[in-house]
Amino acid sequence: MKKLKDLPLDSSWQHYLKEEFDKDYMQKLQHFLQQESEQKKIIYPEENQYFHALNLTPFNQVKVVILGQDPYHGEGQAHGLSFSVLPATKYPPSLVNIYKELSDDLVMGIPLSGCLTDWAEQGVLLLNSVLTVEKNKAAAHQKQGWEQFTDKIIQLLNDHSEGVVFILWGSYAQKKASLLDAKKHHILKSPHPSPLSSYRGFFKSKPFSKTNHYLESIGKSAINW
C-alpha cells in the first residue's frame, strides 16, 4: 500500500496537515494499515478515497461539518464521506433516517441516491472520525491514530475559519464540541440518526433548515440539500 502522505490530498488541506504525516502517531497508523494489508484484510474505503471528504471540500470552502464515526463496513458502501454510500447502493438505516428528517424538515421528496457528493461539493465536509475500517468488522480501526488526525482537522477549522456549522449527531460526535469555540461557530446537537436513537430527538430536530438559516444570517449561501 501507499504511504498515507502520498495519497491524494487537496492542496489547501496539504498546507495545514503536511506536518502531521511525520508525527509518531501517524507513523504508527501507517504501520498498522500496512500490517492489515499484508494479512490480506479487506479495508474500506479504497485507498485513494481515504481523504475523499477533504478532496471534495477544500479547507476554505467548508461551511458545514457533519461528523460521523466510522466508514460503513459492508461491501460497496463506503467511499470516504460520512453517512454517504456509493450510487445505486441500498441506503443504510442511519441514512434512511437522515433522509426522513430531511424530507420532513424541508418538505421535499426523499433523494434518489444515497451518494452525498453533491453536499460535499457545496461545502459540507462529511468527515468520519476514523477514516478506515475492516470489511464486516465495525470499529475495527478505532484507536489506531485516525482520531488524532481528524481531531486536528476539527481544530484547524475552529482556529482558522469562522461561521462554520458543526452538526454533531450522537454522544460520540458531541464530545468533539470541546474542540470548538461556540462564539465563532454554530453547533447543532441532537441524538444520532441510527434506529436505536433516532426517536429520542433526532426526528424533528430540523438540522438542515437550521443550518441554512444560520448560513444566510451571516451572509453565506444556503446549502441545496
C-alpha atoms as a PDB file:
ATOM      1  CA  MET A   1       0.000   0.000   0.000  1.00  0.00           C
ATOM      2  CA  LYS A   2       0.999   3.628  -0.474  1.00  0.00           C
ATOM      3  CA  LYS A   3       2.195   5.805   2.365  1.00  0.00           C
ATOM      4  CA  LEU A   4      -0.544   7.991   3.784  1.00  0.00           C
ATOM      5  CA  LYS A   5       1.349  11.156   2.895  1.00  0.00           C
ATOM      6  CA  ASP A   6       1.463  10.047  -0.746  1.00  0.00           C
ATOM      7  CA  LEU A   7      -2.305   9.622  -1.092  1.00  0.00           C
ATOM      8  CA  PRO A   8      -4.313  12.266  -2.967  1.00  0.00           C
ATOM      9  CA  LEU A   9      -4.893  15.307  -0.755  1.00  0.00           C
ATOM     10  CA  ASP A  10      -6.208  18.707  -1.788  1.00  0.00           C
ATOM     11  CA  SER A  11      -3.527  21.401  -1.636  1.00  0.00           C
ATOM     12  CA  SER A  12      -5.466  23.582   0.821  1.00  0.00           C
ATOM     13  CA  TRP A  13      -5.559  20.715   3.322  1.00  0.00           C
ATOM     14  CA  GLN A  14      -1.990  19.721   2.488  1.00  0.00           C
ATOM     15  CA  HIS A  15      -0.912  23.180   3.600  1.00  0.00           C
ATOM     16  CA  TYR A  16      -2.313  22.627   7.099  1.00  0.00           C
ATOM     17  CA  LEU A  17      -1.774  18.881   7.515  1.00  0.00           C
ATOM     18  CA  LYS A  18       1.563  18.086   5.873  1.00  0.00           C
ATOM     19  CA  GLU A  19       3.469  18.089   9.181  1.00  0.00           C
ATOM     20  CA  GLU A  20       1.003  15.608  10.722  1.00  0.00           C
ATOM     21  CA  PHE A  21       2.180  12.803   8.460  1.00  0.00           C
ATOM     22  CA  ASP A  22       5.644  12.777  10.029  1.00  0.00           C
ATOM     23  CA  LYS A  23       4.402  12.583  13.615  1.00  0.00           C
ATOM     24  CA  ASP A  24       4.742   9.393  15.642  1.00  0.00           C
ATOM     25  CA  TYR A  25       1.025   8.662  15.803  1.00  0.00           C
ATOM     26  CA  MET A  26       0.719   8.750  12.010  1.00  0.00           C
ATOM     27  CA  GLN A  27       3.753   6.541  11.621  1.00  0.00           C
ATOM     28  CA  LYS A  28       2.101   4.011  13.960  1.00  0.00           C
ATOM     29  CA  LEU A  29      -1.126   4.264  11.972  1.00  0.00           C
ATOM     30  CA  GLN A  30       0.805   3.689   8.764  1.00  0.00           C
ATOM     31  CA  HIS A  31       2.409   0.584  10.293  1.00  0.00           C
ATOM     32  CA  PHE A  32      -0.975  -0.735  11.436  1.00  0.00           C
ATOM     33  CA  LEU A  33      -2.534  -0.289   7.994  1.00  0.00           C
ATOM     34  CA  GLN A  34       0.495  -1.892   6.365  1.00  0.00           C
ATOM     35  CA  GLN A  35       0.116  -4.936   8.609  1.00  0.00           C
ATOM     36  CA  GLU A  36      -3.575  -5.198   7.833  1.00  0.00           C
ATOM     37  CA  SER A  37      -2.787  -5.079   4.130  1.00  0.00           C
ATOM     38  CA  GLU A  38      -0.073  -7.710   4.397  1.00  0.00           C
ATOM     39  CA  GLN A  39      -2.556 -10.009   6.166  1.00  0.00           C
ATOM     40  CA  LYS A  40      -4.812  -9.649   3.110  1.00  0.00           C
ATOM     41  CA  LYS A  41      -7.559  -7.992   5.111  1.00  0.00           C
ATOM     42  CA  ILE A  42     -10.061  -6.016   3.067  1.00  0.00           C
ATOM     43  CA  ILE A  43     -10.150  -2.365   4.073  1.00  0.00           C
ATOM     44  CA  TYR A  44     -12.842   0.194   3.225  1.00  0.00           C
ATOM     45  CA  PRO A  45     -12.939   2.639   1.588  1.00  0.00           C
ATOM     46  CA  GLU A  46     -10.469   2.156  -1.228  1.00  0.00           C
ATOM     47  CA  GLU A  47      -7.041   3.573  -0.505  1.00  0.00           C
ATOM     48  CA  ASN A  48      -7.352   6.523  -2.865  1.00  0.00           C
ATOM     49  CA  GLN A  49     -10.558   7.585  -1.065  1.00  0.00           C
ATOM     50  CA  TYR A  50      -9.229   7.783   2.487  1.00  0.00           C
ATOM     51  CA  PHE A  51      -9.156  11.592   2.147  1.00  0.00           C
ATOM     52  CA  HIS A  52     -12.118  11.852  -0.235  1.00  0.00           C
ATOM     53  CA  ALA A  53     -14.032  14.193   2.085  1.00  0.00           C
ATOM     54  CA  LEU A  54     -11.096  16.614   2.197  1.00  0.00           C
ATOM     55  CA  ASN A  55     -10.605  16.472  -1.561  1.00  0.00           C
ATOM     56  CA  LEU A  56     -14.242  17.249  -2.344  1.00  0.00           C
ATOM     57  CA  THR A  57     -14.440  20.074   0.214  1.00  0.00           C
ATOM     58  CA  PRO A  58     -11.298  22.263   0.229  1.00  0.00           C
ATOM     59  CA  PHE A  59     -10.424  23.982   3.503  1.00  0.00           C
ATOM     60  CA  ASN A  60     -11.547  27.484   2.569  1.00  0.00           C
ATOM     61  CA  GLN A  61     -14.866  26.193   1.185  1.00  0.00           C
ATOM     62  CA  VAL A  62     -16.049  24.415   4.351  1.00  0.00           C
ATOM     63  CA  LYS A  63     -19.388  25.831   5.502  1.00  0.00           C
ATOM     64  CA  VAL A  64     -20.760  22.806   7.353  1.00  0.00           C
ATOM     65  CA  VAL A  65     -19.218  19.762   9.052  1.00  0.00           C
ATOM     66  CA  ILE A  66     -21.273  16.594   9.569  1.00  0.00           C
ATOM     67  CA  LEU A  67     -19.239  14.339  11.809  1.00  0.00           C
ATOM     68  CA  GLY A  68     -19.560  10.577  11.603  1.00  0.00           C
ATOM     69  CA  GLN A  69     -17.725   7.842  13.486  1.00  0.00           C
ATOM     70  CA  ASP A  70     -16.512   5.063  11.156  1.00  0.00           C
ATOM     71  CA  PRO A  71     -16.906   4.199   7.477  1.00  0.00           C
ATOM     72  CA  TYR A  72     -19.593   1.684   6.583  1.00  0.00           C
ATOM     73  CA  HIS A  73     -18.100  -1.807   6.675  1.00  0.00           C
ATOM     74  CA  GLY A  74     -20.277  -3.542   4.069  1.00  0.00           C
ATOM     75  CA  GLU A  75     -19.170  -4.200   0.515  1.00  0.00           C
ATOM     76  CA  GLY A  76     -19.833  -1.385  -1.962  1.00  0.00           C
ATOM     77  CA  GLN A  77     -20.838   1.169   0.659  1.00  0.00           C
ATOM     78  CA  ALA A  78     -18.022   3.388   1.947  1.00  0.00           C
ATOM     79  CA  HIS A  79     -16.357   5.920  -0.324  1.00  0.00           C
ATOM     80  CA  GLY A  80     -14.806   8.349   2.122  1.00  0.00           C
ATOM     81  CA  LEU A  81     -17.788  10.538   3.068  1.00  0.00           C
ATOM     82  CA  SER A  82     -19.583  10.180   6.391  1.00  0.00           C
ATOM     83  CA  PHE A  83     -23.102   8.709   6.101  1.00  0.00           C
ATOM     84  CA  SER A  84     -22.807   8.542   2.299  1.00  0.00           C
ATOM     85  CA  VAL A  85     -22.841   5.415   0.132  1.00  0.00           C
ATOM     86  CA  LEU A  86     -21.890   4.803  -3.463  1.00  0.00           C
ATOM     87  CA  PRO A  87     -24.636   5.389  -6.058  1.00  0.00           C
ATOM     88  CA  ALA A  88     -27.117   2.531  -6.550  1.00  0.00           C
ATOM     89  CA  THR A  89     -26.320   1.174  -3.066  1.00  0.00           C
ATOM     90  CA  LYS A  90     -29.147   0.423  -0.635  1.00  0.00           C
ATOM     91  CA  TYR A  91     -29.486   3.144   1.986  1.00  0.00           C
ATOM     92  CA  PRO A  92     -28.094   2.110   5.402  1.00  0.00           C
ATOM     93  CA  PRO A  93     -30.514   2.608   8.329  1.00  0.00           C
ATOM     94  CA  SER A  94     -28.927   5.868   9.552  1.00  0.00           C
ATOM     95  CA  LEU A  95     -29.115   7.386   6.076  1.00  0.00           C
ATOM     96  CA  VAL A  96     -32.754   6.306   5.770  1.00  0.00           C
ATOM     97  CA  ASN A  97     -33.497   8.333   8.902  1.00  0.00           C
ATOM     98  CA  ILE A  98     -31.384  11.291   7.745  1.00  0.00           C
ATOM     99  CA  TYR A  99     -33.426  11.389   4.559  1.00  0.00           C
ATOM    100  CA  LYS A 100     -36.697  11.094   6.520  1.00  0.00           C
ATOM    101  CA  GLU A 101     -35.713  14.113   8.600  1.00  0.00           C
ATOM    102  CA  LEU A 102     -34.528  15.991   5.503  1.00  0.00           C
ATOM    103  CA  SER A 103     -37.875  15.341   3.806  1.00  0.00           C
ATOM    104  CA  ASP A 104     -39.828  16.453   6.855  1.00  0.00           C
ATOM    105  CA  ASP A 105     -37.618  19.452   7.620  1.00  0.00           C
ATOM    106  CA  LEU A 106     -37.563  20.940   4.123  1.00  0.00           C
ATOM    107  CA  VAL A 107     -40.856  19.469   2.813  1.00  0.00           C
ATOM    108  CA  MET A 108     -39.212  17.669  -0.082  1.00  0.00           C
ATOM    109  CA  GLY A 109     -39.034  14.178  -1.528  1.00  0.00           C
ATOM    110  CA  ILE A 110     -36.548  11.510  -0.480  1.00  0.00           C
ATOM    111  CA  PRO A 111     -33.361  11.788  -2.608  1.00  0.00           C
ATOM    112  CA  LEU A 112     -32.966   9.111  -5.263  1.00  0.00           C
ATOM    113  CA  SER A 113     -29.353   8.315  -4.363  1.00  0.00           C
ATOM    114  CA  GLY A 114     -27.522   7.724  -1.092  1.00  0.00           C
ATOM    115  CA  CYS A 115     -24.416   9.391  -2.506  1.00  0.00           C
ATOM    116  CA  LEU A 116     -23.844  12.748  -0.771  1.00  0.00           C
ATOM    117  CA  THR A 117     -21.164  14.040  -3.138  1.00  0.00           C
ATOM    118  CA  ASP A 118     -23.391  16.973  -4.072  1.00  0.00           C
ATOM    119  CA  TRP A 119     -23.452  18.121  -0.444  1.00  0.00           C
ATOM    120  CA  ALA A 120     -19.667  17.852  -0.212  1.00  0.00           C
ATOM    121  CA  GLU A 121     -19.171  19.931  -3.346  1.00  0.00           C
ATOM    122  CA  GLN A 122     -21.290  22.706  -1.803  1.00  0.00           C
ATOM    123  CA  GLY A 123     -19.100  22.975   1.295  1.00  0.00           C
ATOM    124  CA  VAL A 124     -20.421  20.221   3.574  1.00  0.00           C
ATOM    125  CA  LEU A 125     -17.408  18.376   4.993  1.00  0.00           C
ATOM    126  CA  LEU A 126     -18.617  14.813   5.562  1.00  0.00           C
ATOM    127  CA  LEU A 127     -15.918  13.770   7.989  1.00  0.00           C
ATOM    128  CA  ASN A 128     -15.652  10.464   9.802  1.00  0.00           C
ATOM    129  CA  SER A 129     -13.577  10.429  12.978  1.00  0.00           C
ATOM    130  CA  VAL A 130     -11.971   7.172  11.817  1.00  0.00           C
ATOM    131  CA  LEU A 131     -11.200   7.014   8.098  1.00  0.00           C
ATOM    132  CA  THR A 132     -10.824   3.272   7.516  1.00  0.00           C
ATOM    133  CA  VAL A 133     -12.468   0.030   8.622  1.00  0.00           C
ATOM    134  CA  GLU A 134     -12.035  -3.704   8.040  1.00  0.00           C
ATOM    135  CA  LYS A 135     -14.708  -5.430   5.967  1.00  0.00           C
ATOM    136  CA  ASN A 136     -17.620  -6.633   8.115  1.00  0.00           C
ATOM    137  CA  LYS A 137     -15.909  -5.507  11.347  1.00  0.00           C
ATOM    138  CA  ALA A 138     -17.413  -2.297  12.672  1.00  0.00           C
ATOM    139  CA  ALA A 139     -14.983  -0.047  14.549  1.00  0.00           C
ATOM    140  CA  ALA A 140     -12.030  -2.340  13.756  1.00  0.00           C
ATOM    141  CA  HIS A 141      -9.696   0.625  13.154  1.00  0.00           C
ATOM    142  CA  GLN A 142     -10.610   2.742  16.154  1.00  0.00           C
ATOM    143  CA  LYS A 143      -7.825   3.970  18.447  1.00  0.00           C
ATOM    144  CA  GLN A 144      -5.093   3.429  15.864  1.00  0.00           C
ATOM    145  CA  GLY A 145      -4.416   7.122  15.242  1.00  0.00           C
ATOM    146  CA  TRP A 146      -7.151   8.331  12.929  1.00  0.00           C
ATOM    147  CA  GLU A 147      -8.995  10.094  15.762  1.00  0.00           C
ATOM    148  CA  GLN A 148      -5.967  12.286  16.477  1.00  0.00           C
ATOM    149  CA  PHE A 149      -5.699  13.179  12.804  1.00  0.00           C
ATOM    150  CA  THR A 150      -9.366  14.092  12.399  1.00  0.00           C
ATOM    151  CA  ASP A 151      -9.380  15.996  15.705  1.00  0.00           C
ATOM    152  CA  LYS A 152      -6.588  18.072  14.188  1.00  0.00           C
ATOM    153  CA  ILE A 153      -8.836  18.780  11.190  1.00  0.00           C
ATOM    154  CA  ILE A 154     -11.612  19.958  13.519  1.00  0.00           C
ATOM    155  CA  GLN A 155      -9.184  22.131  15.482  1.00  0.00           C
ATOM    156  CA  LEU A 156      -7.832  23.695  12.282  1.00  0.00           C
ATOM    157  CA  LEU A 157     -11.327  24.601  11.132  1.00  0.00           C
ATOM    158  CA  ASN A 158     -12.108  26.012  14.562  1.00  0.00           C
ATOM    159  CA  ASP A 159      -8.957  28.136  14.642  1.00  0.00           C
ATOM    160  CA  HIS A 160      -8.643  29.302  11.027  1.00  0.00           C
ATOM    161  CA  SER A 161     -12.234  29.805   9.890  1.00  0.00           C
ATOM    162  CA  GLU A 162     -15.409  31.432  11.180  1.00  0.00           C
ATOM    163  CA  GLY A 163     -19.109  30.774  10.937  1.00  0.00           C
ATOM    164  CA  VAL A 164     -18.915  27.031  10.268  1.00  0.00           C
ATOM    165  CA  VAL A 165     -21.929  24.924  11.242  1.00  0.00           C
ATOM    166  CA  PHE A 166     -20.904  21.771  13.106  1.00  0.00           C
ATOM    167  CA  ILE A 167     -23.647  19.119  13.086  1.00  0.00           C
ATOM    168  CA  LEU A 168     -22.971  16.684  15.918  1.00  0.00           C
ATOM    169  CA  TRP A 169     -25.275  13.663  15.951  1.00  0.00           C
ATOM    170  CA  GLY A 170     -24.989  11.362  18.963  1.00  0.00           C
ATOM    171  CA  SER A 171     -22.803  11.353  22.062  1.00  0.00           C
ATOM    172  CA  TYR A 172     -19.628  10.327  20.222  1.00  0.00           C
ATOM    173  CA  ALA A 173     -19.757  13.315  17.876  1.00  0.00           C
ATOM    174  CA  GLN A 174     -20.903  15.671  20.623  1.00  0.00           C
ATOM    175  CA  LYS A 175     -17.700  15.066  22.566  1.00  0.00           C
ATOM    176  CA  LYS A 176     -15.928  16.939  19.760  1.00  0.00           C
ATOM    177  CA  ALA A 177     -17.690  20.128  20.852  1.00  0.00           C
ATOM    178  CA  SER A 178     -14.874  20.518  23.382  1.00  0.00           C
ATOM    179  CA  LEU A 179     -12.597  21.330  20.406  1.00  0.00           C
ATOM    180  CA  LEU A 180     -14.850  24.150  19.221  1.00  0.00           C
ATOM    181  CA  ASP A 181     -15.393  27.811  20.049  1.00  0.00           C
ATOM    182  CA  ALA A 182     -19.160  28.288  20.137  1.00  0.00           C
ATOM    183  CA  LYS A 183     -18.695  32.048  19.800  1.00  0.00           C
ATOM    184  CA  LYS A 184     -17.041  31.642  16.388  1.00  0.00           C
ATOM    185  CA  HIS A 185     -19.109  28.766  15.043  1.00  0.00           C
ATOM    186  CA  HIS A 186     -22.639  27.375  15.165  1.00  0.00           C
ATOM    187  CA  ILE A 187     -23.003  23.984  16.870  1.00  0.00           C
ATOM    188  CA  LEU A 188     -26.084  21.813  16.345  1.00  0.00           C
ATOM    189  CA  LYS A 189     -26.520  18.762  18.571  1.00  0.00           C
ATOM    190  CA  SER A 190     -29.110  16.006  18.535  1.00  0.00           C
ATOM    191  CA  PRO A 191     -29.344  12.245  19.067  1.00  0.00           C
ATOM    192  CA  HIS A 192     -27.839  10.013  16.381  1.00  0.00           C
ATOM    193  CA  PRO A 193     -29.971   9.095  13.337  1.00  0.00           C
ATOM    194  CA  SER A 194     -29.461   5.359  13.881  1.00  0.00           C
ATOM    195  CA  PRO A 195     -32.675   3.370  14.514  1.00  0.00           C
ATOM    196  CA  LEU A 196     -31.530   2.854  18.123  1.00  0.00           C
ATOM    197  CA  SER A 197     -31.681   6.541  18.982  1.00  0.00           C
ATOM    198  CA  SER A 198     -33.445   8.480  16.220  1.00  0.00           C
ATOM    199  CA  TYR A 199     -36.767   8.645  18.095  1.00  0.00           C
ATOM    200  CA  ARG A 200     -35.119  10.246  21.123  1.00  0.00           C
ATOM    201  CA  GLY A 201     -34.929  13.622  19.425  1.00  0.00           C
ATOM    202  CA  PHE A 202     -33.231  13.261  16.069  1.00  0.00           C
ATOM    203  CA  PHE A 203     -36.561  13.452  14.274  1.00  0.00           C
ATOM    204  CA  LYS A 204     -37.966  16.995  14.306  1.00  0.00           C
ATOM    205  CA  SER A 205     -34.521  18.437  15.162  1.00  0.00           C
ATOM    206  CA  LYS A 206     -34.501  20.275  11.793  1.00  0.00           C
ATOM    207  CA  PRO A 207     -30.718  20.411  11.260  1.00  0.00           C
ATOM    208  CA  PHE A 208     -30.984  21.261   7.571  1.00  0.00           C
ATOM    209  CA  SER A 209     -33.233  24.317   7.854  1.00  0.00           C
ATOM    210  CA  LYS A 210     -31.370  25.496  10.960  1.00  0.00           C
ATOM    211  CA  THR A 211     -28.067  25.236   9.091  1.00  0.00           C
ATOM    212  CA  ASN A 212     -29.345  27.249   6.153  1.00  0.00           C
ATOM    213  CA  HIS A 213     -30.941  29.870   8.385  1.00  0.00           C
ATOM    214  CA  TYR A 214     -27.634  30.401  10.163  1.00  0.00           C
ATOM    215  CA  LEU A 215     -25.564  30.481   6.970  1.00  0.00           C
ATOM    216  CA  GLU A 216     -27.863  33.068   5.418  1.00  0.00           C
ATOM    217  CA  SER A 217     -27.851  35.117   8.624  1.00  0.00           C
ATOM    218  CA  ILE A 218     -24.086  35.606   8.311  1.00  0.00           C
ATOM    219  CA  GLY A 219     -24.142  36.284   4.584  1.00  0.00           C
ATOM    220  CA  LYS A 220     -23.249  32.845   3.269  1.00  0.00           C
ATOM    221  CA  SER A 221     -25.229  30.964   0.665  1.00  0.00           C
ATOM    222  CA  ALA A 222     -27.526  28.169   1.823  1.00  0.00           C
ATOM    223  CA  ILE A 223     -26.889  24.509   1.052  1.00  0.00           C
ATOM    224  CA  ASN A 224     -29.125  22.952  -1.592  1.00  0.00           C
ATOM    225  CA  TRP A 225     -29.814  19.764   0.323  1.00  0.00           C
END
